[in-house]
Amino acid sequence: MGDFWYIWVLPIVGGLIWYAITTAAVKAPGTILQQKFVKLGTLKGKTLSEIQSACGAPSSVSSGADGVKIYQWMATGYHIVLLFDENDICLGVSSETKV
């Protein structure tokens, strides 16, 4: 390799460091949102108000069968779907994705 090895090694190392930093920065909002849900503990039985107080407003709201309401919270790298009854009591997690 000779005396100029650093011409090849430094850009590769720098690129890997840059990739790691940007990946972490892009996924940070999702990581923060997930931590808020984890901090709440068991979601089943909690009210919509309790969950919104800790995690913010949902990104999406829709209706399901039998009066079930579907609330979704999304941030880059994280997505959670919660089901609620007619009294806004959480029935549980329908799906959760972390990338």
C-alpha atoms as a PDB file:
ATOM      1  CA  MET A   1       0.000   0.000   0.000  1.00  0.00           C
ATOM      2  CA  GLY A   2       2.873   2.319   0.596  1.00  0.00           C
ATOM      3  CA  ASP A   3       2.785   5.756   2.142  1.00  0.00           C
ATOM      4  CA  PHE A   4      -0.619   6.699   0.720  1.00  0.00           C
ATOM      5  CA  TRP A   5      -2.813   4.106   2.449  1.00  0.00           C
ATOM      6  CA  TYR A   6      -4.705   6.855   4.249  1.00  0.00           C
ATOM      7  CA  ILE A   7      -6.021   8.202   0.921  1.00  0.00           C
ATOM      8  CA  TRP A   8      -8.173   5.067   0.707  1.00  0.00           C
ATOM      9  CA  VAL A   9      -8.785   4.270   4.352  1.00  0.00           C
ATOM     10  CA  LEU A  10      -9.833   7.697   5.675  1.00  0.00           C
ATOM     11  CA  PRO A  11     -12.729   8.231   3.201  1.00  0.00           C
ATOM     12  CA  ILE A  12     -14.050   4.741   3.914  1.00  0.00           C
ATOM     13  CA  VAL A  13     -13.900   5.223   7.694  1.00  0.00           C
ATOM     14  CA  GLY A  14     -15.347   8.725   7.368  1.00  0.00           C
ATOM     15  CA  GLY A  15     -18.171   7.425   5.193  1.00  0.00           C
ATOM     16  CA  LEU A  16     -19.058   4.729   7.698  1.00  0.00           C
ATOM     17  CA  ILE A  17     -19.099   7.245  10.538  1.00  0.00           C
ATOM     18  CA  TRP A  18     -21.266   9.636   8.480  1.00  0.00           C
ATOM     19  CA  TYR A  19     -23.677   6.791   7.667  1.00  0.00           C
ATOM     20  CA  ALA A  20     -24.014   5.845  11.343  1.00  0.00           C
ATOM     21  CA  ILE A  21     -24.656   9.452  12.407  1.00  0.00           C
ATOM     22  CA  THR A  22     -27.252  10.161   9.711  1.00  0.00           C
ATOM     23  CA  THR A  23     -29.048   6.864  10.307  1.00  0.00           C
ATOM     24  CA  ALA A  24     -29.325   7.616  14.020  1.00  0.00           C
ATOM     25  CA  ALA A  25     -30.517  11.178  13.337  1.00  0.00           C
ATOM     26  CA  VAL A  26     -33.199  10.050  10.887  1.00  0.00           C
ATOM     27  CA  LYS A  27     -34.530   7.367  13.236  1.00  0.00           C
ATOM     28  CA  ALA A  28     -34.417   9.570  16.355  1.00  0.00           C
ATOM     29  CA  PRO A  29     -38.083  10.705  16.203  1.00  0.00           C
ATOM     30  CA  GLY A  30     -39.263   7.090  16.040  1.00  0.00           C
ATOM     31  CA  THR A  31     -36.976   6.043  18.860  1.00  0.00           C
ATOM     32  CA  ILE A  32     -38.271   8.873  21.060  1.00  0.00           C
ATOM     33  CA  LEU A  33     -41.902   7.976  20.285  1.00  0.00           C
ATOM     34  CA  GLN A  34     -41.282   4.305  21.059  1.00  0.00           C
ATOM     35  CA  GLN A  35     -39.662   5.213  24.388  1.00  0.00           C
ATOM     36  CA  LYS A  36     -42.770   7.216  25.341  1.00  0.00           C
ATOM     37  CA  PHE A  37     -44.983   4.184  24.710  1.00  0.00           C
ATOM     38  CA  VAL A  38     -42.623   1.877  26.593  1.00  0.00           C
ATOM     39  CA  LYS A  39     -42.629   4.268  29.560  1.00  0.00           C
ATOM     40  CA  LEU A  40     -46.439   3.992  29.724  1.00  0.00           C
ATOM     41  CA  GLY A  41     -46.182   0.261  30.378  1.00  0.00           C
ATOM     42  CA  THR A  42     -49.187  -1.903  29.570  1.00  0.00           C
ATOM     43  CA  LEU A  43     -51.420   0.029  27.194  1.00  0.00           C
ATOM     44  CA  LYS A  44     -54.501  -2.183  27.455  1.00  0.00           C
ATOM     45  CA  GLY A  45     -56.978  -0.503  29.797  1.00  0.00           C
ATOM     46  CA  LYS A  46     -55.462   2.983  29.533  1.00  0.00           C
ATOM     47  CA  THR A  47     -57.624   5.827  28.277  1.00  0.00           C
ATOM     48  CA  LEU A  48     -56.984   7.649  25.031  1.00  0.00           C
ATOM     49  CA  SER A  49     -56.417  10.791  27.083  1.00  0.00           C
ATOM     50  CA  GLU A  50     -53.668   9.125  29.153  1.00  0.00           C
ATOM     51  CA  ILE A  51     -51.910   7.896  26.030  1.00  0.00           C
ATOM     52  CA  GLN A  52     -52.198  11.242  24.238  1.00  0.00           C
ATOM     53  CA  SER A  53     -50.854  13.071  27.291  1.00  0.00           C
ATOM     54  CA  ALA A  54     -47.716  10.944  27.204  1.00  0.00           C
ATOM     55  CA  CYS A  55     -47.262  10.378  23.465  1.00  0.00           C
ATOM     56  CA  GLY A  56     -49.025  13.232  21.715  1.00  0.00           C
ATOM     57  CA  ALA A  57     -51.859  13.222  19.232  1.00  0.00           C
ATOM     58  CA  PRO A  58     -52.195  10.248  16.903  1.00  0.00           C
ATOM     59  CA  SER A  59     -51.096  10.569  13.285  1.00  0.00           C
ATOM     60  CA  SER A  60     -54.201   8.788  12.010  1.00  0.00           C
ATOM     61  CA  VAL A  61     -57.661   7.882  13.279  1.00  0.00           C
ATOM     62  CA  SER A  62     -60.123   5.514  11.609  1.00  0.00           C
ATOM     63  CA  SER A  63     -63.092   3.290  12.436  1.00  0.00           C
ATOM     64  CA  GLY A  64     -63.177  -0.468  12.516  1.00  0.00           C
ATOM     65  CA  ALA A  65     -65.893  -3.066  12.938  1.00  0.00           C
ATOM     66  CA  ASP A  66     -68.194  -3.129  15.978  1.00  0.00           C
ATOM     67  CA  GLY A  67     -67.442   0.473  16.981  1.00  0.00           C
ATOM     68  CA  VAL A  68     -63.712  -0.123  17.431  1.00  0.00           C
ATOM     69  CA  LYS A  69     -61.589   2.953  16.785  1.00  0.00           C
ATOM     70  CA  ILE A  70     -58.131   2.589  15.260  1.00  0.00           C
ATOM     71  CA  TYR A  71     -55.487   5.098  16.312  1.00  0.00           C
ATOM     72  CA  GLN A  72     -52.011   5.173  14.789  1.00  0.00           C
ATOM     73  CA  TRP A  73     -48.894   6.969  15.912  1.00  0.00           C
ATOM     74  CA  MET A  74     -46.073   7.222  13.382  1.00  0.00           C
ATOM     75  CA  ALA A  75     -42.599   8.682  13.328  1.00  0.00           C
ATOM     76  CA  THR A  76     -39.631   7.833  11.145  1.00  0.00           C
ATOM     77  CA  GLY A  77     -38.613   4.293  12.063  1.00  0.00           C
ATOM     78  CA  TYR A  78     -41.584   3.529  14.352  1.00  0.00           C
ATOM     79  CA  HIS A  79     -45.304   2.847  13.906  1.00  0.00           C
ATOM     80  CA  ILE A  80     -47.843   1.640  16.466  1.00  0.00           C
ATOM     81  CA  VAL A  81     -51.540   0.885  15.985  1.00  0.00           C
ATOM     82  CA  LEU A  82     -53.855   0.832  19.010  1.00  0.00           C
ATOM     83  CA  LEU A  83     -57.482  -0.241  19.173  1.00  0.00           C
ATOM     84  CA  PHE A  84     -60.003   1.568  21.390  1.00  0.00           C
ATOM     85  CA  ASP A  85     -63.578   0.858  22.416  1.00  0.00           C
ATOM     86  CA  GLU A  86     -66.500   3.293  22.285  1.00  0.00           C
ATOM     87  CA  ASN A  87     -65.427   4.740  25.672  1.00  0.00           C
ATOM     88  CA  ASP A  88     -61.888   5.476  24.439  1.00  0.00           C
ATOM     89  CA  ILE A  89     -60.369   2.664  26.513  1.00  0.00           C
ATOM     90  CA  CYS A  90     -57.430   0.912  24.866  1.00  0.00           C
ATOM     91  CA  LEU A  91     -58.186  -2.669  23.856  1.00  0.00           C
ATOM     92  CA  GLY A  92     -54.558  -3.353  23.034  1.00  0.00           C
ATOM     93  CA  VAL A  93     -51.863  -3.085  20.397  1.00  0.00           C
ATOM     94  CA  SER A  94     -52.924  -4.184  16.912  1.00  0.00           C
ATOM     95  CA  SER A  95     -49.436  -3.851  15.448  1.00  0.00           C
ATOM     96  CA  GLU A  96     -46.091  -2.277  16.210  1.00  0.00           C
ATOM     97  CA  THR A  97     -43.140  -1.843  13.849  1.00  0.00           C
ATOM     98  CA  LYS A  98     -39.626  -0.617  14.581  1.00  0.00           C
ATOM     99  CA  VAL A  99     -37.128  -0.370  11.762  1.00  0.00           C
END
